Amino acid sequence: MYTSLLNPVKAKIIVIIDEKNVSSTLDFIDELKIMTQNIILIGKTTKADRLYMELRTVELPSKLGIFSFPIKVYRNRNRGDNIPYIPDFEIDPKNTAKLKDFILNKNYD
């Protein structure tokens, strides 16, 4: 795992997010935030994910149902359970003209 002490990049990293972001995308943002504090989230609030990553399902002996239970869980994750990412600046990601203007004019400083 990286720390900001090892990261030579001093530039701001802009991440465009929306409600379609979940799971691995959120994990990627988690890792970026570990590497540097220069992360700027723009767009819309993401979906959330759980600490439990994978389910196992077993059919009941009666065949009247299925029992599901988690078999993998995150431990010590900075972002809590069922927590979305909220953008620092809310902008409709589908409005490319507004996004471009926002980024090129450095409206995030």
N, C-alpha and C. Protein backbone atom coordinates (compact mmCIF):
# COMPACT_ATOMS: atom_id res chain seq x y z
N MET A 1 0.84 -1.17 0.00
CA MET A 1 0.00 0.00 0.00
C MET A 1 0.89 1.24 0.00
N TYR A 2 0.50 2.25 -0.76
CA TYR A 2 1.28 3.47 -0.90
C TYR A 2 0.96 4.47 0.20
N THR A 3 1.90 5.35 0.45
CA THR A 3 1.64 6.49 1.33
C THR A 3 1.99 7.75 0.58
N SER A 4 1.47 8.87 1.04
CA SER A 4 1.72 10.13 0.35
C SER A 4 3.20 10.49 0.38
N LEU A 5 3.98 9.93 1.31
CA LEU A 5 5.42 10.20 1.36
C LEU A 5 6.14 9.63 0.14
N LEU A 6 5.60 8.56 -0.42
CA LEU A 6 6.22 7.93 -1.58
C LEU A 6 5.74 8.50 -2.90
N ASN A 7 4.75 9.35 -2.86
CA ASN A 7 4.13 9.85 -4.08
C ASN A 7 4.81 11.13 -4.54
N PRO A 8 5.52 11.10 -5.67
CA PRO A 8 6.19 12.31 -6.16
C PRO A 8 5.24 13.27 -6.89
N VAL A 9 4.03 12.84 -7.18
CA VAL A 9 3.08 13.68 -7.92
C VAL A 9 2.51 14.74 -7.01
N LYS A 10 2.66 15.99 -7.41
CA LYS A 10 2.14 17.11 -6.62
C LYS A 10 0.91 17.73 -7.28
N ALA A 11 0.59 17.29 -8.49
CA ALA A 11 -0.56 17.83 -9.22
C ALA A 11 -1.86 17.40 -8.57
N LYS A 12 -2.90 18.17 -8.81
CA LYS A 12 -4.23 17.78 -8.35
C LYS A 12 -4.78 16.75 -9.32
N ILE A 13 -5.42 15.75 -8.77
CA ILE A 13 -6.04 14.70 -9.58
C ILE A 13 -7.54 14.91 -9.51
N ILE A 14 -8.14 15.12 -10.67
CA ILE A 14 -9.58 15.34 -10.74
C ILE A 14 -10.25 14.03 -11.13
N VAL A 15 -11.19 13.59 -10.31
CA VAL A 15 -11.93 12.36 -10.56
C VAL A 15 -13.39 12.73 -10.80
N ILE A 16 -13.90 12.36 -11.96
CA ILE A 16 -15.30 12.64 -12.30
C ILE A 16 -16.12 11.44 -11.85
N ILE A 17 -17.12 11.70 -11.01
CA ILE A 17 -17.93 10.62 -10.43
C ILE A 17 -19.41 10.86 -10.69
N ASP A 18 -20.18 9.77 -10.61
CA ASP A 18 -21.64 9.89 -10.67
C ASP A 18 -22.28 8.68 -10.00
N GLU A 19 -23.60 8.62 -10.10
CA GLU A 19 -24.36 7.57 -9.41
C GLU A 19 -24.11 6.17 -9.97
N LYS A 20 -23.40 6.06 -11.08
CA LYS A 20 -23.09 4.74 -11.63
C LYS A 20 -21.81 4.16 -11.04
N ASN A 21 -21.08 4.95 -10.28
CA ASN A 21 -19.84 4.47 -9.65
C ASN A 21 -20.15 3.68 -8.40
N VAL A 22 -19.59 2.48 -8.33
CA VAL A 22 -19.80 1.59 -7.18
C VAL A 22 -18.65 0.60 -7.13
N SER A 23 -18.51 -0.10 -6.05
CA SER A 23 -17.61 -1.24 -5.91
C SER A 23 -16.16 -0.91 -6.23
N SER A 24 -15.61 -1.48 -7.29
CA SER A 24 -14.19 -1.31 -7.61
C SER A 24 -13.83 0.15 -7.88
N THR A 25 -14.75 0.91 -8.43
CA THR A 25 -14.49 2.33 -8.65
C THR A 25 -14.27 3.03 -7.33
N LEU A 26 -15.09 2.73 -6.34
CA LEU A 26 -14.94 3.34 -5.02
C LEU A 26 -13.64 2.86 -4.37
N ASP A 27 -13.28 1.60 -4.57
CA ASP A 27 -12.01 1.09 -4.05
C ASP A 27 -10.84 1.85 -4.67
N PHE A 28 -10.94 2.14 -5.97
CA PHE A 28 -9.89 2.89 -6.66
C PHE A 28 -9.74 4.29 -6.06
N ILE A 29 -10.86 4.96 -5.80
CA ILE A 29 -10.82 6.29 -5.18
C ILE A 29 -10.23 6.18 -3.77
N ASP A 30 -10.58 5.13 -3.04
CA ASP A 30 -9.99 4.90 -1.72
C ASP A 30 -8.46 4.87 -1.82
N GLU A 31 -7.95 4.12 -2.80
CA GLU A 31 -6.50 3.99 -2.97
C GLU A 31 -5.87 5.32 -3.37
N LEU A 32 -6.53 6.07 -4.26
CA LEU A 32 -6.01 7.39 -4.63
C LEU A 32 -5.89 8.28 -3.40
N LYS A 33 -6.90 8.25 -2.54
CA LYS A 33 -6.89 9.09 -1.34
C LYS A 33 -5.81 8.67 -0.35
N ILE A 34 -5.41 7.41 -0.39
CA ILE A 34 -4.30 6.97 0.45
C ILE A 34 -2.98 7.52 -0.10
N MET A 35 -2.86 7.56 -1.44
CA MET A 35 -1.63 8.00 -2.08
C MET A 35 -1.42 9.51 -1.97
N THR A 36 -2.48 10.29 -2.04
CA THR A 36 -2.35 11.75 -2.03
C THR A 36 -3.63 12.40 -1.55
N GLN A 37 -3.50 13.56 -0.96
CA GLN A 37 -4.67 14.33 -0.55
C GLN A 37 -5.12 15.29 -1.65
N ASN A 38 -4.41 15.28 -2.78
CA ASN A 38 -4.72 16.20 -3.88
C ASN A 38 -5.79 15.65 -4.81
N ILE A 39 -6.79 15.00 -4.26
CA ILE A 39 -7.89 14.42 -5.04
C ILE A 39 -9.07 15.37 -4.99
N ILE A 40 -9.60 15.70 -6.16
CA ILE A 40 -10.79 16.54 -6.25
C ILE A 40 -11.87 15.73 -6.94
N LEU A 41 -12.99 15.55 -6.26
CA LEU A 41 -14.12 14.81 -6.82
C LEU A 41 -15.12 15.80 -7.39
N ILE A 42 -15.46 15.62 -8.67
CA ILE A 42 -16.49 16.47 -9.27
C ILE A 42 -17.53 15.58 -9.93
N GLY A 43 -18.75 16.04 -9.93
CA GLY A 43 -19.84 15.28 -10.54
C GLY A 43 -21.01 15.13 -9.60
N LYS A 44 -21.50 13.91 -9.48
CA LYS A 44 -22.66 13.58 -8.64
C LYS A 44 -22.25 12.52 -7.61
N THR A 45 -23.03 12.41 -6.55
CA THR A 45 -22.76 11.43 -5.50
C THR A 45 -22.80 10.01 -6.06
N THR A 46 -21.83 9.20 -5.64
CA THR A 46 -21.75 7.81 -6.10
C THR A 46 -22.75 6.94 -5.34
N LYS A 47 -22.87 5.72 -5.78
CA LYS A 47 -23.56 4.70 -4.98
C LYS A 47 -22.61 4.32 -3.84
N ALA A 48 -23.09 3.51 -2.94
CA ALA A 48 -22.26 3.05 -1.82
C ALA A 48 -22.00 1.56 -1.97
N ASP A 49 -21.04 1.08 -1.23
CA ASP A 49 -20.82 -0.36 -1.20
C ASP A 49 -20.63 -0.81 0.24
N ARG A 50 -20.73 -2.08 0.43
CA ARG A 50 -20.68 -2.65 1.77
C ARG A 50 -19.27 -3.14 2.07
N LEU A 51 -19.02 -3.39 3.32
CA LEU A 51 -17.74 -3.98 3.71
C LEU A 51 -17.66 -5.44 3.27
N TYR A 52 -18.85 -6.04 3.08
CA TYR A 52 -18.90 -7.43 2.64
C TYR A 52 -18.82 -7.48 1.13
N MET A 53 -17.84 -8.23 0.60
CA MET A 53 -17.58 -8.22 -0.83
C MET A 53 -18.20 -9.37 -1.59
N GLU A 54 -18.28 -10.50 -0.99
CA GLU A 54 -18.68 -11.69 -1.74
C GLU A 54 -19.64 -12.53 -0.92
N LEU A 55 -20.67 -13.00 -1.57
CA LEU A 55 -21.66 -13.84 -0.89
C LEU A 55 -21.55 -15.28 -1.34
N ARG A 56 -21.86 -16.15 -0.44
CA ARG A 56 -22.01 -17.56 -0.79
C ARG A 56 -23.49 -17.89 -0.61
N THR A 57 -24.03 -18.63 -1.52
CA THR A 57 -25.44 -19.02 -1.41
C THR A 57 -25.53 -20.54 -1.34
N VAL A 58 -26.45 -20.99 -0.52
CA VAL A 58 -26.68 -22.43 -0.34
C VAL A 58 -28.18 -22.67 -0.40
N GLU A 59 -28.57 -23.61 -1.23
CA GLU A 59 -29.99 -23.96 -1.28
C GLU A 59 -30.36 -24.72 -0.01
N LEU A 60 -31.49 -24.35 0.57
CA LEU A 60 -31.95 -25.04 1.78
C LEU A 60 -32.33 -26.49 1.44
N PRO A 61 -32.12 -27.41 2.38
CA PRO A 61 -32.46 -28.82 2.13
C PRO A 61 -33.91 -29.01 1.70
N SER A 62 -34.79 -28.15 2.19
CA SER A 62 -36.21 -28.26 1.84
C SER A 62 -36.49 -27.82 0.41
N LYS A 63 -35.50 -27.18 -0.21
CA LYS A 63 -35.65 -26.62 -1.57
C LYS A 63 -36.66 -25.46 -1.59
N LEU A 64 -37.01 -24.93 -0.42
CA LEU A 64 -37.98 -23.83 -0.34
C LEU A 64 -37.32 -22.46 -0.23
N GLY A 65 -36.03 -22.40 -0.36
CA GLY A 65 -35.34 -21.12 -0.27
C GLY A 65 -33.84 -21.26 -0.41
N ILE A 66 -33.19 -20.11 -0.40
CA ILE A 66 -31.73 -20.05 -0.50
C ILE A 66 -31.21 -19.22 0.67
N PHE A 67 -30.15 -19.71 1.29
CA PHE A 67 -29.50 -18.99 2.39
C PHE A 67 -28.23 -18.35 1.83
N SER A 68 -28.08 -17.02 2.02
CA SER A 68 -26.90 -16.29 1.55
C SER A 68 -26.16 -15.71 2.74
N PHE A 69 -24.83 -15.77 2.68
CA PHE A 69 -24.02 -15.20 3.77
C PHE A 69 -22.69 -14.71 3.21
N PRO A 70 -22.14 -13.64 3.81
CA PRO A 70 -20.88 -13.08 3.31
C PRO A 70 -19.69 -13.98 3.66
N ILE A 71 -18.74 -14.04 2.71
CA ILE A 71 -17.54 -14.84 2.97
C ILE A 71 -16.26 -14.00 2.91
N LYS A 72 -16.36 -12.74 2.47
CA LYS A 72 -15.21 -11.83 2.45
C LYS A 72 -15.66 -10.51 3.05
N VAL A 73 -14.76 -9.89 3.81
CA VAL A 73 -15.09 -8.61 4.43
C VAL A 73 -13.84 -7.75 4.49
N TYR A 74 -14.01 -6.45 4.21
CA TYR A 74 -12.91 -5.50 4.38
C TYR A 74 -12.69 -5.26 5.87
N ARG A 75 -11.44 -5.11 6.27
CA ARG A 75 -11.10 -4.73 7.63
C ARG A 75 -10.30 -3.44 7.58
N ASN A 76 -10.59 -2.51 8.47
CA ASN A 76 -9.85 -1.26 8.61
C ASN A 76 -9.89 -0.38 7.35
N ARG A 77 -10.98 -0.43 6.61
CA ARG A 77 -11.13 0.43 5.44
C ARG A 77 -11.44 1.84 5.93
N ASN A 78 -10.76 2.85 5.37
CA ASN A 78 -10.99 4.23 5.80
C ASN A 78 -12.43 4.67 5.58
N ARG A 79 -12.97 4.35 4.42
CA ARG A 79 -14.36 4.69 4.12
C ARG A 79 -15.24 3.64 4.78
N GLY A 80 -16.23 4.08 5.49
CA GLY A 80 -17.07 3.16 6.24
C GLY A 80 -18.00 2.31 5.38
N ASP A 81 -18.78 1.52 6.04
CA ASP A 81 -19.74 0.63 5.39
C ASP A 81 -20.90 1.43 4.81
N ASN A 82 -21.22 1.16 3.56
CA ASN A 82 -22.38 1.76 2.89
C ASN A 82 -22.28 3.28 2.80
N ILE A 83 -21.06 3.79 2.59
CA ILE A 83 -20.80 5.22 2.49
C ILE A 83 -20.44 5.57 1.05
N PRO A 84 -21.18 6.50 0.43
CA PRO A 84 -20.85 6.92 -0.93
C PRO A 84 -19.76 7.99 -0.91
N TYR A 85 -19.24 8.32 -2.07
CA TYR A 85 -18.40 9.50 -2.22
C TYR A 85 -19.29 10.65 -2.67
N ILE A 86 -19.13 11.77 -2.00
CA ILE A 86 -19.88 12.98 -2.33
C ILE A 86 -18.90 13.92 -3.01
N PRO A 87 -19.26 14.49 -4.16
CA PRO A 87 -18.31 15.33 -4.88
C PRO A 87 -17.97 16.61 -4.10
N ASP A 88 -16.74 17.06 -4.29
CA ASP A 88 -16.34 18.35 -3.73
C ASP A 88 -17.07 19.47 -4.47
N PHE A 89 -17.32 19.23 -5.76
CA PHE A 89 -18.04 20.19 -6.59
C PHE A 89 -19.08 19.42 -7.39
N GLU A 90 -20.34 19.77 -7.20
CA GLU A 90 -21.42 19.06 -7.90
C GLU A 90 -21.65 19.68 -9.27
N ILE A 91 -21.44 18.87 -10.28
CA ILE A 91 -21.62 19.26 -11.68
C ILE A 91 -22.20 18.05 -12.39
N ASP A 92 -23.11 18.29 -13.32
CA ASP A 92 -23.67 17.18 -14.10
C ASP A 92 -22.58 16.63 -15.01
N PRO A 93 -22.12 15.39 -14.79
CA PRO A 93 -21.05 14.84 -15.61
C PRO A 93 -21.41 14.69 -17.09
N LYS A 94 -22.69 14.70 -17.39
CA LYS A 94 -23.12 14.59 -18.78
C LYS A 94 -23.01 15.92 -19.52
N ASN A 95 -22.86 17.00 -18.78
CA ASN A 95 -22.72 18.33 -19.38
C ASN A 95 -21.24 18.58 -19.63
N THR A 96 -20.75 18.06 -20.75
CA THR A 96 -19.31 18.11 -21.02
C THR A 96 -18.79 19.54 -21.17
N ALA A 97 -19.61 20.43 -21.70
CA ALA A 97 -19.17 21.83 -21.84
C ALA A 97 -18.91 22.45 -20.47
N LYS A 98 -19.81 22.21 -19.53
CA LYS A 98 -19.64 22.75 -18.18
C LYS A 98 -18.45 22.10 -17.48
N LEU A 99 -18.30 20.78 -17.65
CA LEU A 99 -17.15 20.08 -17.07
C LEU A 99 -15.84 20.64 -17.60
N LYS A 100 -15.77 20.78 -18.91
CA LYS A 100 -14.55 21.30 -19.54
C LYS A 100 -14.24 22.70 -19.03
N ASP A 101 -15.24 23.55 -18.98
CA ASP A 101 -15.05 24.92 -18.49
C ASP A 101 -14.57 24.90 -17.04
N PHE A 102 -15.19 24.08 -16.23
CA PHE A 102 -14.84 24.00 -14.81
C PHE A 102 -13.38 23.58 -14.63
N ILE A 103 -12.97 22.56 -15.36
CA ILE A 103 -11.60 22.03 -15.21
C ILE A 103 -10.57 22.99 -15.80
N LEU A 104 -10.81 23.46 -17.02
CA LEU A 104 -9.82 24.32 -17.68
C LEU A 104 -9.66 25.67 -16.99
N ASN A 105 -10.71 26.17 -16.37
CA ASN A 105 -10.63 27.46 -15.67
C ASN A 105 -10.23 27.30 -14.21
N LYS A 106 -9.88 26.07 -13.83
CA LYS A 106 -9.41 25.78 -12.47
C LYS A 106 -10.34 26.33 -11.40
N ASN A 107 -11.62 26.08 -11.58
CA ASN A 107 -12.62 26.53 -10.62
C ASN A 107 -12.61 25.71 -9.34
N TYR A 108 -11.68 24.79 -9.23
CA TYR A 108 -11.62 23.91 -8.07
C TYR A 108 -10.59 24.37 -7.03
N ASP A 109 -9.85 25.43 -7.31
CA ASP A 109 -8.84 25.93 -6.34
C ASP A 109 -9.49 26.65 -5.18
